[in-house]
């Protein structure tokens, strides 16, 4: 499921997010402070090969962990698809991982859990769909929200 044409949706972050919120959350993660499950995701750039970092929310469901892209096909999503692996960091703890990208029909439950956990932060990116939405509604919007199941490397 690496065809980018399947999920071209992307909502670019505004100035406050780019210049204030993301650097603050990433800085806290680097310092060892996870805010509501946040991590610093590091992935090699698909063109430059240079490490790129961005804060993400790591969702845990049972024994599985997931990365959800609430803004759609962001640069980190594209880089991750090409690189095939990445790093999640909190303080000095660095976890190298691989992933499995979920098919659209398998995302409803994960999107619901993600919305339950972080709706206050990311709800605006889900176009009125909330954690109480039906599976059908969540499956309908699923193509715009890449979801990755983390596999320990």
N, C-alpha and C. Protein backbone atom coordinates (compact mmCIF):
# COMPACT_ATOMS: atom_id res chain seq x y z
N UNK A 1 0.80 -1.18 0.00
CA UNK A 1 0.00 0.00 0.00
C UNK A 1 0.86 1.26 0.00
N UNK A 2 1.73 1.38 -0.92
CA UNK A 2 2.62 2.53 -0.95
C UNK A 2 2.29 3.49 -2.07
N UNK A 3 1.21 3.29 -2.74
CA UNK A 3 0.83 4.16 -3.84
C UNK A 3 0.32 5.49 -3.28
N UNK A 4 1.11 6.54 -3.44
CA UNK A 4 0.74 7.85 -2.87
C UNK A 4 -0.53 8.41 -3.47
N UNK A 5 -0.93 7.95 -4.64
CA UNK A 5 -2.15 8.47 -5.25
C UNK A 5 -3.38 8.03 -4.46
N UNK A 6 -3.26 7.03 -3.60
CA UNK A 6 -4.39 6.56 -2.81
C UNK A 6 -4.74 7.52 -1.68
N UNK A 7 -3.79 8.28 -1.20
CA UNK A 7 -4.09 9.19 -0.09
C UNK A 7 -3.37 10.52 -0.28
N UNK A 8 -3.78 11.29 -1.28
CA UNK A 8 -3.09 12.55 -1.57
C UNK A 8 -3.45 13.67 -0.59
N UNK A 9 -4.41 13.46 0.29
CA UNK A 9 -4.85 14.50 1.21
C UNK A 9 -3.70 14.95 2.11
N UNK A 10 -3.53 16.25 2.23
CA UNK A 10 -2.52 16.79 3.13
C UNK A 10 -2.94 18.18 3.58
N UNK A 11 -2.95 18.39 4.88
CA UNK A 11 -3.24 19.70 5.47
C UNK A 11 -1.95 20.25 6.05
N UNK A 12 -1.40 21.25 5.44
CA UNK A 12 -0.13 21.83 5.91
C UNK A 12 -0.33 22.52 7.25
N UNK A 13 0.64 22.38 8.14
CA UNK A 13 0.55 23.07 9.43
C UNK A 13 0.73 24.57 9.26
N UNK A 14 0.09 25.32 10.11
CA UNK A 14 0.23 26.77 10.11
C UNK A 14 1.52 27.21 10.79
N UNK A 15 1.73 28.50 10.80
CA UNK A 15 2.96 29.07 11.35
C UNK A 15 3.14 28.71 12.82
N UNK A 16 2.11 28.80 13.62
CA UNK A 16 2.22 28.52 15.06
C UNK A 16 2.63 27.07 15.28
N UNK A 17 2.04 26.15 14.53
CA UNK A 17 2.40 24.74 14.66
C UNK A 17 3.83 24.51 14.23
N UNK A 18 4.21 25.05 13.07
CA UNK A 18 5.57 24.83 12.54
C UNK A 18 6.65 25.46 13.41
N UNK A 19 6.39 26.66 13.88
CA UNK A 19 7.44 27.43 14.56
C UNK A 19 7.40 27.36 16.09
N UNK A 20 6.26 26.96 16.65
CA UNK A 20 6.14 26.95 18.11
C UNK A 20 5.78 25.57 18.66
N UNK A 21 4.63 25.04 18.26
CA UNK A 21 4.14 23.79 18.85
C UNK A 21 5.02 22.59 18.53
N UNK A 22 5.28 22.33 17.25
CA UNK A 22 6.09 21.16 16.89
C UNK A 22 7.50 21.23 17.49
N UNK A 23 8.21 22.36 17.41
CA UNK A 23 9.53 22.40 18.03
C UNK A 23 9.48 22.20 19.56
N UNK A 24 8.43 22.69 20.20
CA UNK A 24 8.30 22.52 21.65
C UNK A 24 8.08 21.06 22.02
N UNK A 25 7.14 20.40 21.34
CA UNK A 25 6.84 18.99 21.61
C UNK A 25 8.05 18.12 21.29
N UNK A 26 8.71 18.39 20.16
CA UNK A 26 9.90 17.62 19.78
C UNK A 26 11.02 17.84 20.80
N UNK A 27 11.20 19.07 21.25
CA UNK A 27 12.22 19.37 22.24
C UNK A 27 11.97 18.66 23.56
N UNK A 28 10.70 18.62 23.97
CA UNK A 28 10.35 17.89 25.20
C UNK A 28 10.64 16.40 25.04
N UNK A 29 10.30 15.83 23.89
CA UNK A 29 10.57 14.41 23.64
C UNK A 29 12.08 14.13 23.69
N UNK A 30 12.87 15.02 23.07
CA UNK A 30 14.33 14.86 23.11
C UNK A 30 14.85 14.94 24.54
N UNK A 31 14.18 15.73 25.37
CA UNK A 31 14.58 15.88 26.77
C UNK A 31 14.07 14.74 27.65
N UNK A 32 13.27 13.83 27.06
CA UNK A 32 12.78 12.69 27.81
C UNK A 32 11.38 12.85 28.36
N UNK A 33 10.67 13.90 27.93
CA UNK A 33 9.32 14.16 28.41
C UNK A 33 8.34 13.88 27.27
N UNK A 34 7.53 12.85 27.47
CA UNK A 34 6.52 12.49 26.46
C UNK A 34 5.20 13.14 26.86
N UNK A 35 4.65 13.96 25.99
CA UNK A 35 3.38 14.63 26.24
C UNK A 35 2.27 13.78 25.61
N UNK A 36 1.47 13.13 26.44
CA UNK A 36 0.36 12.29 25.96
C UNK A 36 0.80 11.25 24.93
N UNK A 37 1.96 10.66 25.11
CA UNK A 37 2.42 9.62 24.20
C UNK A 37 3.26 10.12 23.04
N UNK A 38 3.64 11.39 23.06
CA UNK A 38 4.40 11.95 21.94
C UNK A 38 5.80 11.34 21.87
N UNK A 39 6.31 11.30 20.68
CA UNK A 39 7.67 10.84 20.38
C UNK A 39 8.23 11.76 19.31
N UNK A 40 9.54 11.73 19.19
CA UNK A 40 10.17 12.37 18.05
C UNK A 40 10.42 11.26 17.03
N UNK A 41 9.80 11.38 15.88
CA UNK A 41 9.99 10.44 14.79
C UNK A 41 11.14 10.94 13.94
N UNK A 42 12.10 10.05 13.69
CA UNK A 42 13.22 10.38 12.80
C UNK A 42 13.21 9.40 11.64
N UNK A 43 13.25 9.97 10.43
CA UNK A 43 13.23 9.17 9.21
C UNK A 43 14.21 9.79 8.23
N UNK A 44 14.90 8.95 7.47
CA UNK A 44 15.80 9.48 6.45
C UNK A 44 14.98 10.03 5.29
N UNK A 45 15.37 11.21 4.82
CA UNK A 45 14.70 11.85 3.70
C UNK A 45 14.80 11.00 2.45
N UNK A 46 13.73 10.93 1.69
CA UNK A 46 13.68 10.06 0.52
C UNK A 46 14.58 10.55 -0.61
N UNK A 47 14.89 11.83 -0.64
CA UNK A 47 15.75 12.37 -1.69
C UNK A 47 17.13 12.70 -1.15
N UNK A 48 17.19 13.35 0.00
CA UNK A 48 18.47 13.82 0.54
C UNK A 48 19.23 12.74 1.31
N UNK A 49 18.49 11.78 1.89
CA UNK A 49 19.13 10.79 2.74
C UNK A 49 19.47 11.33 4.12
N UNK A 50 19.17 12.60 4.37
CA UNK A 50 19.43 13.23 5.66
C UNK A 50 18.31 12.87 6.64
N UNK A 51 18.64 12.76 7.92
CA UNK A 51 17.62 12.48 8.92
C UNK A 51 16.68 13.67 9.06
N UNK A 52 15.39 13.39 9.10
CA UNK A 52 14.35 14.39 9.31
C UNK A 52 13.60 14.02 10.58
N UNK A 53 13.22 15.00 11.37
CA UNK A 53 12.54 14.74 12.64
C UNK A 53 11.23 15.51 12.73
N UNK A 54 10.25 14.88 13.33
CA UNK A 54 8.96 15.52 13.56
C UNK A 54 8.30 14.87 14.77
N UNK A 55 7.54 15.64 15.55
CA UNK A 55 6.83 15.02 16.67
C UNK A 55 5.60 14.26 16.16
N UNK A 56 5.34 13.11 16.77
CA UNK A 56 4.18 12.29 16.44
C UNK A 56 3.56 11.77 17.72
N UNK A 57 2.30 11.36 17.62
CA UNK A 57 1.61 10.71 18.73
C UNK A 57 1.64 9.22 18.48
N UNK A 58 2.17 8.45 19.40
CA UNK A 58 2.25 7.00 19.28
C UNK A 58 1.05 6.40 19.99
N UNK A 59 0.20 5.73 19.25
CA UNK A 59 -1.02 5.11 19.78
C UNK A 59 -0.75 3.66 20.12
N UNK A 60 -1.10 3.26 21.33
CA UNK A 60 -0.98 1.87 21.74
C UNK A 60 -2.38 1.28 21.86
N UNK A 61 -2.59 0.15 21.18
CA UNK A 61 -3.86 -0.58 21.24
C UNK A 61 -3.50 -2.03 21.54
N UNK A 62 -3.77 -2.46 22.76
CA UNK A 62 -3.36 -3.79 23.17
C UNK A 62 -1.85 -3.89 23.13
N UNK A 63 -1.34 -4.88 22.42
CA UNK A 63 0.11 -5.06 22.31
C UNK A 63 0.68 -4.34 21.08
N UNK A 64 -0.19 -3.76 20.25
CA UNK A 64 0.26 -3.10 19.03
C UNK A 64 0.37 -1.60 19.20
N UNK A 65 1.29 -1.01 18.42
CA UNK A 65 1.48 0.44 18.43
C UNK A 65 1.36 0.95 17.01
N UNK A 66 0.82 2.18 16.90
CA UNK A 66 0.52 2.74 15.59
C UNK A 66 0.94 4.20 15.49
N UNK A 67 1.31 4.58 14.29
CA UNK A 67 1.49 5.98 13.93
C UNK A 67 0.36 6.32 12.97
N UNK A 68 -0.35 7.39 13.26
CA UNK A 68 -1.43 7.87 12.40
C UNK A 68 -1.04 9.25 11.90
N UNK A 69 -1.29 9.52 10.64
CA UNK A 69 -0.97 10.82 10.05
C UNK A 69 -2.27 11.63 9.94
N UNK A 70 -2.63 12.41 10.97
CA UNK A 70 -3.90 13.13 10.94
C UNK A 70 -3.97 14.21 9.86
N UNK A 71 -2.83 14.69 9.41
CA UNK A 71 -2.81 15.72 8.36
C UNK A 71 -2.76 15.10 6.96
N UNK A 72 -2.71 13.77 6.89
CA UNK A 72 -2.67 13.11 5.59
C UNK A 72 -1.26 12.74 5.18
N UNK A 73 -1.00 12.79 3.90
CA UNK A 73 0.29 12.34 3.35
C UNK A 73 1.34 13.44 3.52
N UNK A 74 1.79 13.56 4.76
CA UNK A 74 2.82 14.55 5.12
C UNK A 74 4.18 14.06 4.62
N UNK A 75 5.18 14.93 4.71
CA UNK A 75 6.53 14.55 4.28
C UNK A 75 7.05 13.35 5.06
N UNK A 76 6.75 13.28 6.36
CA UNK A 76 7.24 12.13 7.14
C UNK A 76 6.63 10.83 6.64
N UNK A 77 5.39 10.87 6.17
CA UNK A 77 4.73 9.69 5.62
C UNK A 77 5.44 9.25 4.35
N UNK A 78 5.70 10.18 3.46
CA UNK A 78 6.38 9.86 2.20
C UNK A 78 7.78 9.33 2.45
N UNK A 79 8.50 9.98 3.39
CA UNK A 79 9.85 9.52 3.71
C UNK A 79 9.83 8.12 4.32
N UNK A 80 8.89 7.88 5.22
CA UNK A 80 8.80 6.58 5.87
C UNK A 80 8.51 5.48 4.86
N UNK A 81 7.60 5.74 3.94
CA UNK A 81 7.28 4.74 2.91
C UNK A 81 8.50 4.37 2.09
N UNK A 82 9.33 5.34 1.76
CA UNK A 82 10.52 5.06 0.95
C UNK A 82 11.62 4.42 1.80
N UNK A 83 11.84 4.94 3.00
CA UNK A 83 12.92 4.44 3.86
C UNK A 83 12.64 3.02 4.36
N UNK A 84 11.38 2.72 4.66
CA UNK A 84 11.04 1.40 5.16
C UNK A 84 11.27 1.20 6.64
N UNK A 85 11.87 2.19 7.30
CA UNK A 85 12.12 2.11 8.73
C UNK A 85 12.34 3.52 9.27
N UNK A 86 12.36 3.62 10.58
CA UNK A 86 12.60 4.91 11.22
C UNK A 86 13.00 4.71 12.66
N UNK A 87 13.04 5.82 13.39
CA UNK A 87 13.37 5.79 14.81
C UNK A 87 12.32 6.58 15.58
N UNK A 88 11.99 6.09 16.75
CA UNK A 88 11.14 6.82 17.69
C UNK A 88 12.00 7.12 18.90
N UNK A 89 11.98 8.38 19.32
CA UNK A 89 12.85 8.81 20.43
C UNK A 89 12.07 9.49 21.53
N UNK A 90 12.47 9.16 22.74
CA UNK A 90 12.08 9.91 23.94
C UNK A 90 13.33 9.95 24.79
N UNK A 91 13.87 11.14 24.98
CA UNK A 91 15.12 11.27 25.73
C UNK A 91 16.23 10.49 25.06
N UNK A 92 16.94 9.70 25.85
CA UNK A 92 18.04 8.90 25.31
C UNK A 92 17.57 7.57 24.73
N UNK A 93 16.32 7.25 24.96
CA UNK A 93 15.76 5.99 24.46
C UNK A 93 15.42 6.13 22.98
N UNK A 94 16.09 5.33 22.17
CA UNK A 94 15.87 5.34 20.72
C UNK A 94 15.43 3.94 20.31
N UNK A 95 14.30 3.88 19.65
CA UNK A 95 13.78 2.61 19.17
C UNK A 95 13.75 2.63 17.64
N UNK A 96 14.51 1.74 17.03
CA UNK A 96 14.47 1.59 15.58
C UNK A 96 13.31 0.66 15.25
N UNK A 97 12.56 0.99 14.21
CA UNK A 97 11.40 0.18 13.88
C UNK A 97 11.23 0.04 12.38
N UNK A 98 10.49 -0.99 12.03
CA UNK A 98 9.94 -1.17 10.69
C UNK A 98 8.44 -0.97 10.85
N UNK A 99 7.69 -1.14 9.79
CA UNK A 99 6.25 -0.90 9.90
C UNK A 99 5.50 -1.70 8.86
N UNK A 100 4.22 -1.77 9.11
CA UNK A 100 3.28 -2.31 8.14
C UNK A 100 2.20 -1.25 7.97
N UNK A 101 1.98 -0.79 6.73
CA UNK A 101 0.94 0.20 6.51
C UNK A 101 -0.40 -0.51 6.38
N UNK A 102 -1.39 -0.02 7.11
CA UNK A 102 -2.70 -0.65 7.11
C UNK A 102 -3.48 -0.31 5.85
N UNK A 103 -4.23 -1.28 5.38
CA UNK A 103 -5.16 -1.06 4.27
C UNK A 103 -6.32 -0.22 4.77
N UNK A 104 -6.93 0.53 3.88
CA UNK A 104 -8.03 1.43 4.27
C UNK A 104 -9.13 0.72 5.04
N UNK A 105 -9.47 -0.49 4.62
CA UNK A 105 -10.57 -1.21 5.28
C UNK A 105 -10.21 -1.69 6.68
N UNK A 106 -8.94 -1.61 7.07
CA UNK A 106 -8.50 -2.03 8.41
C UNK A 106 -8.26 -0.86 9.36
N UNK A 107 -8.55 0.36 8.94
CA UNK A 107 -8.21 1.54 9.74
C UNK A 107 -9.29 2.02 10.71
N UNK A 108 -10.53 1.66 10.52
CA UNK A 108 -11.63 2.27 11.29
C UNK A 108 -11.40 2.23 12.79
N UNK A 109 -11.09 1.07 13.33
CA UNK A 109 -10.89 0.95 14.78
C UNK A 109 -9.71 1.77 15.28
N UNK A 110 -8.64 1.80 14.50
CA UNK A 110 -7.45 2.57 14.90
C UNK A 110 -7.75 4.06 14.86
N UNK A 111 -8.43 4.51 13.79
CA UNK A 111 -8.79 5.93 13.72
C UNK A 111 -9.71 6.32 14.88
N UNK A 112 -10.64 5.44 15.24
CA UNK A 112 -11.54 5.71 16.37
C UNK A 112 -10.73 5.86 17.67
N UNK A 113 -9.82 4.91 17.91
CA UNK A 113 -9.00 4.98 19.13
C UNK A 113 -8.12 6.22 19.14
N UNK A 114 -7.59 6.58 17.99
CA UNK A 114 -6.74 7.77 17.87
C UNK A 114 -7.56 9.03 18.20
N UNK A 115 -8.76 9.10 17.66
CA UNK A 115 -9.64 10.23 17.95
C UNK A 115 -10.05 10.27 19.42
N UNK A 116 -10.30 9.13 20.01
CA UNK A 116 -10.65 9.10 21.44
C UNK A 116 -9.52 9.68 22.28
N UNK A 117 -8.31 9.33 21.92
CA UNK A 117 -7.14 9.74 22.72
C UNK A 117 -6.77 11.21 22.48
N UNK A 118 -6.81 11.67 21.21
CA UNK A 118 -6.26 12.99 20.88
C UNK A 118 -7.24 13.92 20.17
N UNK A 119 -8.53 13.69 20.30
CA UNK A 119 -9.49 14.54 19.57
C UNK A 119 -9.29 16.03 19.89
N UNK A 120 -8.97 16.35 21.13
CA UNK A 120 -8.75 17.75 21.52
C UNK A 120 -7.64 18.40 20.71
N UNK A 121 -6.68 17.59 20.26
CA UNK A 121 -5.50 18.10 19.55
C UNK A 121 -5.66 18.02 18.03
N UNK A 122 -6.25 16.94 17.54
CA UNK A 122 -6.27 16.67 16.10
C UNK A 122 -7.67 16.59 15.51
N UNK A 123 -8.69 16.78 16.31
CA UNK A 123 -10.06 16.63 15.84
C UNK A 123 -10.39 17.49 14.63
N UNK A 124 -9.81 18.66 14.54
CA UNK A 124 -10.09 19.58 13.42
C UNK A 124 -9.64 19.00 12.08
N UNK A 125 -8.71 18.06 12.10
CA UNK A 125 -8.21 17.48 10.86
C UNK A 125 -9.11 16.37 10.33
N UNK A 126 -10.14 16.01 11.09
CA UNK A 126 -10.99 14.88 10.72
C UNK A 126 -12.35 15.31 10.17
N UNK A 127 -12.46 16.56 9.79
CA UNK A 127 -13.61 17.07 9.04
C UNK A 127 -14.96 16.68 9.63
N UNK A 128 -15.09 16.82 10.95
CA UNK A 128 -16.36 16.56 11.61
C UNK A 128 -16.59 15.12 12.01
N UNK A 129 -15.71 14.22 11.64
CA UNK A 129 -15.83 12.83 12.04
C UNK A 129 -15.14 12.67 13.38
N UNK A 130 -15.85 12.09 14.35
CA UNK A 130 -15.31 11.94 15.69
C UNK A 130 -15.22 10.49 16.12
N UNK A 131 -14.85 10.25 17.37
CA UNK A 131 -14.67 8.89 17.86
C UNK A 131 -15.97 8.08 17.93
N UNK A 132 -17.11 8.76 17.90
CA UNK A 132 -18.39 8.06 17.94
C UNK A 132 -18.95 7.77 16.55
N UNK A 133 -18.18 8.04 15.52
CA UNK A 133 -18.61 7.79 14.14
C UNK A 133 -18.75 6.30 13.90
N UNK A 134 -19.56 5.95 12.94
CA UNK A 134 -19.75 4.54 12.58
C UNK A 134 -18.49 4.02 11.87
N UNK A 135 -18.37 2.70 11.84
CA UNK A 135 -17.26 2.09 11.08
C UNK A 135 -17.33 2.52 9.62
N UNK A 136 -18.53 2.62 9.10
CA UNK A 136 -18.71 3.02 7.70
C UNK A 136 -18.16 4.43 7.46
N UNK A 137 -18.47 5.36 8.36
CA UNK A 137 -17.96 6.72 8.20
C UNK A 137 -16.44 6.75 8.29
N UNK A 138 -15.88 6.02 9.24
CA UNK A 138 -14.43 6.01 9.41
C UNK A 138 -13.74 5.34 8.22
N UNK A 139 -14.34 4.29 7.69
CA UNK A 139 -13.78 3.62 6.51
C UNK A 139 -13.85 4.54 5.30
N UNK A 140 -14.89 5.35 5.23
CA UNK A 140 -15.04 6.29 4.11
C UNK A 140 -13.93 7.33 4.09
N UNK A 141 -13.51 7.82 5.25
CA UNK A 141 -12.45 8.83 5.30
C UNK A 141 -11.05 8.23 5.37
N UNK A 142 -10.96 6.92 5.61
CA UNK A 142 -9.67 6.24 5.83
C UNK A 142 -8.61 6.51 4.76
N UNK A 143 -8.95 6.61 3.47
CA UNK A 143 -7.89 6.84 2.48
C UNK A 143 -7.07 8.11 2.72
N UNK A 144 -7.62 9.07 3.43
CA UNK A 144 -6.90 10.31 3.67
C UNK A 144 -6.03 10.32 4.91
N UNK A 145 -5.96 9.18 5.61
CA UNK A 145 -5.24 9.11 6.88
C UNK A 145 -4.34 7.88 6.91
N UNK A 146 -3.08 8.01 6.48
CA UNK A 146 -2.18 6.88 6.54
C UNK A 146 -2.00 6.38 7.98
N UNK A 147 -1.97 5.06 8.15
CA UNK A 147 -1.80 4.44 9.46
C UNK A 147 -0.73 3.36 9.33
N UNK A 148 0.22 3.36 10.25
CA UNK A 148 1.35 2.42 10.25
C UNK A 148 1.39 1.65 11.56
N UNK A 149 1.43 0.33 11.47
CA UNK A 149 1.63 -0.50 12.66
C UNK A 149 3.13 -0.67 12.85
N UNK A 150 3.60 -0.35 14.04
CA UNK A 150 5.03 -0.40 14.35
C UNK A 150 5.46 -1.85 14.57
N UNK A 151 6.58 -2.22 13.96
CA UNK A 151 7.18 -3.53 14.15
C UNK A 151 8.60 -3.30 14.66
N UNK A 152 8.92 -3.87 15.81
CA UNK A 152 10.27 -3.69 16.36
C UNK A 152 11.29 -4.24 15.37
N UNK A 153 12.37 -3.49 15.20
CA UNK A 153 13.42 -3.89 14.23
C UNK A 153 14.34 -4.93 14.85
